[in-house]
Amino acid sequence: MCTDVKKYNYIFVCYVVWQMAVMDGFEATKCIREEEARYGIRIPIIALTAHTTKEETDKIFQVGMDYYLPKPLRRNELLKAIDFIEHGKVE
């Protein structure tokens, strides 16, 4: 269960590194989404992953992430992701 979540007055994007030691990106996203419901907020989540098969990317969106970026991270791809989060489309 998530604890110690604070409500912020600004918007930020959460980048989730998929495989972490304590909690993977899927578990972290579920936890964030549960806490959002408590506070009535929505935090954009962008996965950073080396796993880009259709099955893996489908799972990214099913768990509630908003976008994913393949590793290695490239500046232009990051800017596209931010544009998508901000405007709902990639230009």
N, C-alpha and C. Protein backbone atom coordinates (compact mmCIF):
# COMPACT_ATOMS: atom_id res chain seq x y z
N MET A 1 0.84 -1.18 0.00
CA MET A 1 0.00 0.00 0.00
C MET A 1 0.88 1.24 0.00
N CYS A 2 0.45 2.26 -0.68
CA CYS A 2 1.20 3.52 -0.76
C CYS A 2 0.91 4.37 0.47
N THR A 3 1.94 5.01 0.96
CA THR A 3 1.78 5.91 2.09
C THR A 3 2.58 7.17 1.84
N ASP A 4 2.34 8.17 2.64
CA ASP A 4 3.09 9.43 2.59
C ASP A 4 3.02 10.12 1.24
N VAL A 5 1.87 10.12 0.60
CA VAL A 5 1.70 10.81 -0.67
C VAL A 5 1.20 12.21 -0.39
N LYS A 6 1.83 13.19 -0.99
CA LYS A 6 1.44 14.58 -0.80
C LYS A 6 0.79 15.12 -2.06
N LYS A 7 -0.15 16.01 -1.92
CA LYS A 7 -0.79 16.65 -3.06
C LYS A 7 0.01 17.89 -3.41
N TYR A 8 0.37 18.00 -4.68
CA TYR A 8 1.18 19.12 -5.13
C TYR A 8 0.32 20.11 -5.91
N ASN A 9 0.73 21.37 -5.92
CA ASN A 9 0.02 22.42 -6.64
C ASN A 9 0.56 22.62 -8.05
N TYR A 10 1.40 21.75 -8.50
CA TYR A 10 1.94 21.87 -9.84
C TYR A 10 1.85 20.51 -10.53
N ILE A 11 1.99 20.55 -11.84
CA ILE A 11 1.88 19.33 -12.64
C ILE A 11 3.29 18.83 -12.92
N PHE A 12 3.48 17.55 -12.77
CA PHE A 12 4.75 16.95 -13.15
C PHE A 12 4.50 15.62 -13.81
N VAL A 13 5.50 15.14 -14.50
CA VAL A 13 5.42 13.85 -15.18
C VAL A 13 6.27 12.86 -14.40
N CYS A 14 5.74 11.70 -14.19
CA CYS A 14 6.46 10.64 -13.49
C CYS A 14 7.03 9.68 -14.52
N TYR A 15 8.35 9.57 -14.57
CA TYR A 15 9.00 8.60 -15.46
C TYR A 15 9.26 7.35 -14.65
N VAL A 16 8.77 6.23 -15.15
CA VAL A 16 8.91 4.98 -14.41
C VAL A 16 9.92 4.09 -15.13
N VAL A 17 11.00 3.77 -14.43
CA VAL A 17 11.94 2.78 -14.94
C VAL A 17 11.32 1.43 -14.62
N TRP A 18 11.14 0.65 -15.61
CA TRP A 18 10.33 -0.55 -15.53
C TRP A 18 10.77 -1.54 -14.45
N GLN A 19 12.04 -1.89 -14.41
CA GLN A 19 12.48 -2.89 -13.45
C GLN A 19 13.31 -2.22 -12.37
N MET A 20 12.77 -2.23 -11.16
CA MET A 20 13.45 -1.64 -10.02
C MET A 20 13.58 -2.70 -8.93
N ALA A 21 14.46 -2.47 -8.00
CA ALA A 21 14.75 -3.47 -6.99
C ALA A 21 13.58 -3.75 -6.04
N VAL A 22 12.94 -2.72 -5.52
CA VAL A 22 11.90 -2.89 -4.51
C VAL A 22 10.52 -3.07 -5.12
N MET A 23 10.20 -2.28 -6.13
CA MET A 23 8.88 -2.28 -6.73
C MET A 23 9.06 -2.02 -8.23
N ASP A 24 8.48 -2.90 -9.06
CA ASP A 24 8.64 -2.65 -10.50
C ASP A 24 7.69 -1.56 -10.97
N GLY A 25 7.86 -1.14 -12.21
CA GLY A 25 7.07 -0.04 -12.76
C GLY A 25 5.58 -0.31 -12.77
N PHE A 26 5.20 -1.57 -12.95
CA PHE A 26 3.77 -1.91 -12.95
C PHE A 26 3.17 -1.72 -11.57
N GLU A 27 3.87 -2.22 -10.55
CA GLU A 27 3.39 -2.06 -9.18
C GLU A 27 3.37 -0.58 -8.79
N ALA A 28 4.41 0.15 -9.17
CA ALA A 28 4.48 1.58 -8.84
C ALA A 28 3.33 2.33 -9.50
N THR A 29 3.02 2.00 -10.75
CA THR A 29 1.92 2.67 -11.44
C THR A 29 0.59 2.38 -10.77
N LYS A 30 0.36 1.13 -10.41
CA LYS A 30 -0.88 0.78 -9.71
C LYS A 30 -1.01 1.57 -8.41
N CYS A 31 0.10 1.67 -7.69
CA CYS A 31 0.11 2.39 -6.43
C CYS A 31 -0.19 3.88 -6.66
N ILE A 32 0.45 4.46 -7.65
CA ILE A 32 0.21 5.87 -7.97
C ILE A 32 -1.24 6.09 -8.35
N ARG A 33 -1.80 5.23 -9.18
CA ARG A 33 -3.19 5.38 -9.61
C ARG A 33 -4.16 5.27 -8.44
N GLU A 34 -3.87 4.38 -7.49
CA GLU A 34 -4.72 4.26 -6.29
C GLU A 34 -4.69 5.56 -5.49
N GLU A 35 -3.52 6.13 -5.31
CA GLU A 35 -3.40 7.36 -4.55
C GLU A 35 -4.04 8.53 -5.27
N GLU A 36 -3.94 8.56 -6.58
CA GLU A 36 -4.59 9.63 -7.35
C GLU A 36 -6.09 9.66 -7.07
N ALA A 37 -6.68 8.49 -7.01
CA ALA A 37 -8.12 8.41 -6.76
C ALA A 37 -8.47 9.04 -5.41
N ARG A 38 -7.60 8.85 -4.43
CA ARG A 38 -7.83 9.44 -3.10
C ARG A 38 -7.81 10.96 -3.14
N TYR A 39 -6.95 11.52 -3.98
CA TYR A 39 -6.75 12.97 -4.01
C TYR A 39 -7.42 13.67 -5.18
N GLY A 40 -8.01 12.90 -6.08
CA GLY A 40 -8.67 13.50 -7.23
C GLY A 40 -7.71 14.16 -8.21
N ILE A 41 -6.54 13.56 -8.39
CA ILE A 41 -5.54 14.11 -9.31
C ILE A 41 -5.16 13.06 -10.34
N ARG A 42 -4.44 13.48 -11.37
CA ARG A 42 -3.93 12.56 -12.38
C ARG A 42 -2.50 12.96 -12.71
N ILE A 43 -1.58 12.04 -12.50
CA ILE A 43 -0.16 12.26 -12.78
C ILE A 43 0.18 11.50 -14.05
N PRO A 44 0.67 12.19 -15.07
CA PRO A 44 1.10 11.48 -16.27
C PRO A 44 2.29 10.58 -15.96
N ILE A 45 2.22 9.35 -16.44
CA ILE A 45 3.31 8.40 -16.21
C ILE A 45 3.84 7.94 -17.56
N ILE A 46 5.16 8.09 -17.73
CA ILE A 46 5.84 7.65 -18.94
C ILE A 46 6.81 6.55 -18.56
N ALA A 47 6.64 5.38 -19.16
CA ALA A 47 7.53 4.26 -18.88
C ALA A 47 8.81 4.40 -19.70
N LEU A 48 9.93 4.11 -19.10
CA LEU A 48 11.21 4.05 -19.78
C LEU A 48 11.63 2.59 -19.76
N THR A 49 11.67 1.95 -20.94
CA THR A 49 11.85 0.51 -20.98
C THR A 49 12.67 0.03 -22.17
N ALA A 50 13.31 -1.10 -21.99
CA ALA A 50 14.01 -1.77 -23.09
C ALA A 50 13.10 -2.82 -23.72
N HIS A 51 11.95 -3.07 -23.11
CA HIS A 51 11.02 -4.09 -23.58
C HIS A 51 9.95 -3.44 -24.46
N THR A 52 10.03 -3.65 -25.76
CA THR A 52 9.11 -2.95 -26.67
C THR A 52 8.28 -3.89 -27.55
N THR A 53 8.15 -5.14 -27.14
CA THR A 53 7.28 -6.03 -27.89
C THR A 53 5.83 -5.59 -27.71
N LYS A 54 4.97 -6.00 -28.60
CA LYS A 54 3.55 -5.61 -28.52
C LYS A 54 2.95 -6.05 -27.19
N GLU A 55 3.27 -7.26 -26.75
CA GLU A 55 2.72 -7.76 -25.49
C GLU A 55 3.16 -6.87 -24.32
N GLU A 56 4.41 -6.48 -24.31
CA GLU A 56 4.92 -5.66 -23.22
C GLU A 56 4.34 -4.24 -23.27
N THR A 57 4.25 -3.65 -24.46
CA THR A 57 3.69 -2.30 -24.54
C THR A 57 2.20 -2.30 -24.23
N ASP A 58 1.49 -3.37 -24.62
CA ASP A 58 0.08 -3.48 -24.24
C ASP A 58 -0.07 -3.49 -22.71
N LYS A 59 0.82 -4.22 -22.05
CA LYS A 59 0.78 -4.30 -20.58
C LYS A 59 1.04 -2.93 -19.96
N ILE A 60 1.93 -2.16 -20.56
CA ILE A 60 2.24 -0.81 -20.07
C ILE A 60 0.97 0.03 -20.02
N PHE A 61 0.19 -0.01 -21.10
CA PHE A 61 -1.03 0.80 -21.16
C PHE A 61 -2.16 0.20 -20.31
N GLN A 62 -2.22 -1.12 -20.21
CA GLN A 62 -3.25 -1.76 -19.40
C GLN A 62 -3.12 -1.41 -17.93
N VAL A 63 -1.90 -1.26 -17.44
CA VAL A 63 -1.69 -0.95 -16.03
C VAL A 63 -1.95 0.52 -15.73
N GLY A 64 -2.03 1.35 -16.78
CA GLY A 64 -2.38 2.75 -16.56
C GLY A 64 -1.31 3.77 -16.88
N MET A 65 -0.21 3.32 -17.48
CA MET A 65 0.80 4.28 -17.91
C MET A 65 0.28 5.01 -19.14
N ASP A 66 0.73 6.23 -19.34
CA ASP A 66 0.22 7.06 -20.41
C ASP A 66 1.03 6.99 -21.70
N TYR A 67 2.28 6.65 -21.60
CA TYR A 67 3.18 6.67 -22.75
C TYR A 67 4.38 5.82 -22.39
N TYR A 68 5.13 5.38 -23.38
CA TYR A 68 6.38 4.69 -23.08
C TYR A 68 7.47 5.18 -24.01
N LEU A 69 8.69 5.12 -23.51
CA LEU A 69 9.87 5.49 -24.28
C LEU A 69 10.83 4.31 -24.28
N PRO A 70 11.32 3.94 -25.46
CA PRO A 70 12.30 2.86 -25.50
C PRO A 70 13.68 3.36 -25.08
N LYS A 71 14.45 2.46 -24.47
CA LYS A 71 15.84 2.77 -24.15
C LYS A 71 16.67 2.50 -25.40
N PRO A 72 17.73 3.22 -25.65
CA PRO A 72 18.21 4.35 -24.87
C PRO A 72 17.31 5.57 -25.09
N LEU A 73 17.22 6.39 -24.09
CA LEU A 73 16.38 7.57 -24.15
C LEU A 73 16.97 8.58 -25.13
N ARG A 74 16.11 9.06 -26.03
CA ARG A 74 16.52 10.06 -27.01
C ARG A 74 15.73 11.33 -26.79
N ARG A 75 16.41 12.44 -26.89
CA ARG A 75 15.80 13.74 -26.61
C ARG A 75 14.53 13.97 -27.41
N ASN A 76 14.57 13.72 -28.73
CA ASN A 76 13.39 13.99 -29.56
C ASN A 76 12.21 13.10 -29.17
N GLU A 77 12.47 11.88 -28.75
CA GLU A 77 11.39 10.99 -28.31
C GLU A 77 10.80 11.47 -26.99
N LEU A 78 11.64 11.97 -26.10
CA LEU A 78 11.16 12.52 -24.84
C LEU A 78 10.27 13.73 -25.10
N LEU A 79 10.67 14.60 -26.01
CA LEU A 79 9.87 15.77 -26.34
C LEU A 79 8.53 15.37 -26.95
N LYS A 80 8.51 14.32 -27.78
CA LYS A 80 7.25 13.81 -28.33
C LYS A 80 6.34 13.31 -27.21
N ALA A 81 6.91 12.61 -26.26
CA ALA A 81 6.12 12.09 -25.14
C ALA A 81 5.51 13.22 -24.32
N ILE A 82 6.30 14.23 -24.05
CA ILE A 82 5.80 15.38 -23.28
C ILE A 82 4.71 16.09 -24.06
N ASP A 83 4.89 16.23 -25.36
CA ASP A 83 3.87 16.85 -26.20
C ASP A 83 2.57 16.04 -26.17
N PHE A 84 2.71 14.72 -26.21
CA PHE A 84 1.54 13.85 -26.14
C PHE A 84 0.81 14.03 -24.81
N ILE A 85 1.55 14.05 -23.74
CA ILE A 85 0.96 14.22 -22.42
C ILE A 85 0.24 15.57 -22.32
N GLU A 86 0.88 16.61 -22.86
CA GLU A 86 0.31 17.94 -22.75
C GLU A 86 -0.86 18.18 -23.69
N HIS A 87 -0.79 17.66 -24.91
CA HIS A 87 -1.81 17.96 -25.93
C HIS A 87 -2.65 16.77 -26.38
N GLY A 88 -2.28 15.57 -25.94
CA GLY A 88 -3.04 14.37 -26.33
C GLY A 88 -2.73 13.87 -27.73
N LYS A 89 -1.66 14.41 -28.32
CA LYS A 89 -1.25 13.95 -29.64
C LYS A 89 0.23 14.23 -29.83
N VAL A 90 0.81 13.51 -30.78
CA VAL A 90 2.22 13.71 -31.11
C VAL A 90 2.27 14.43 -32.44
N GLU A 91 3.01 15.54 -32.48
CA GLU A 91 3.16 16.29 -33.73
C GLU A 91 4.52 16.12 -34.30
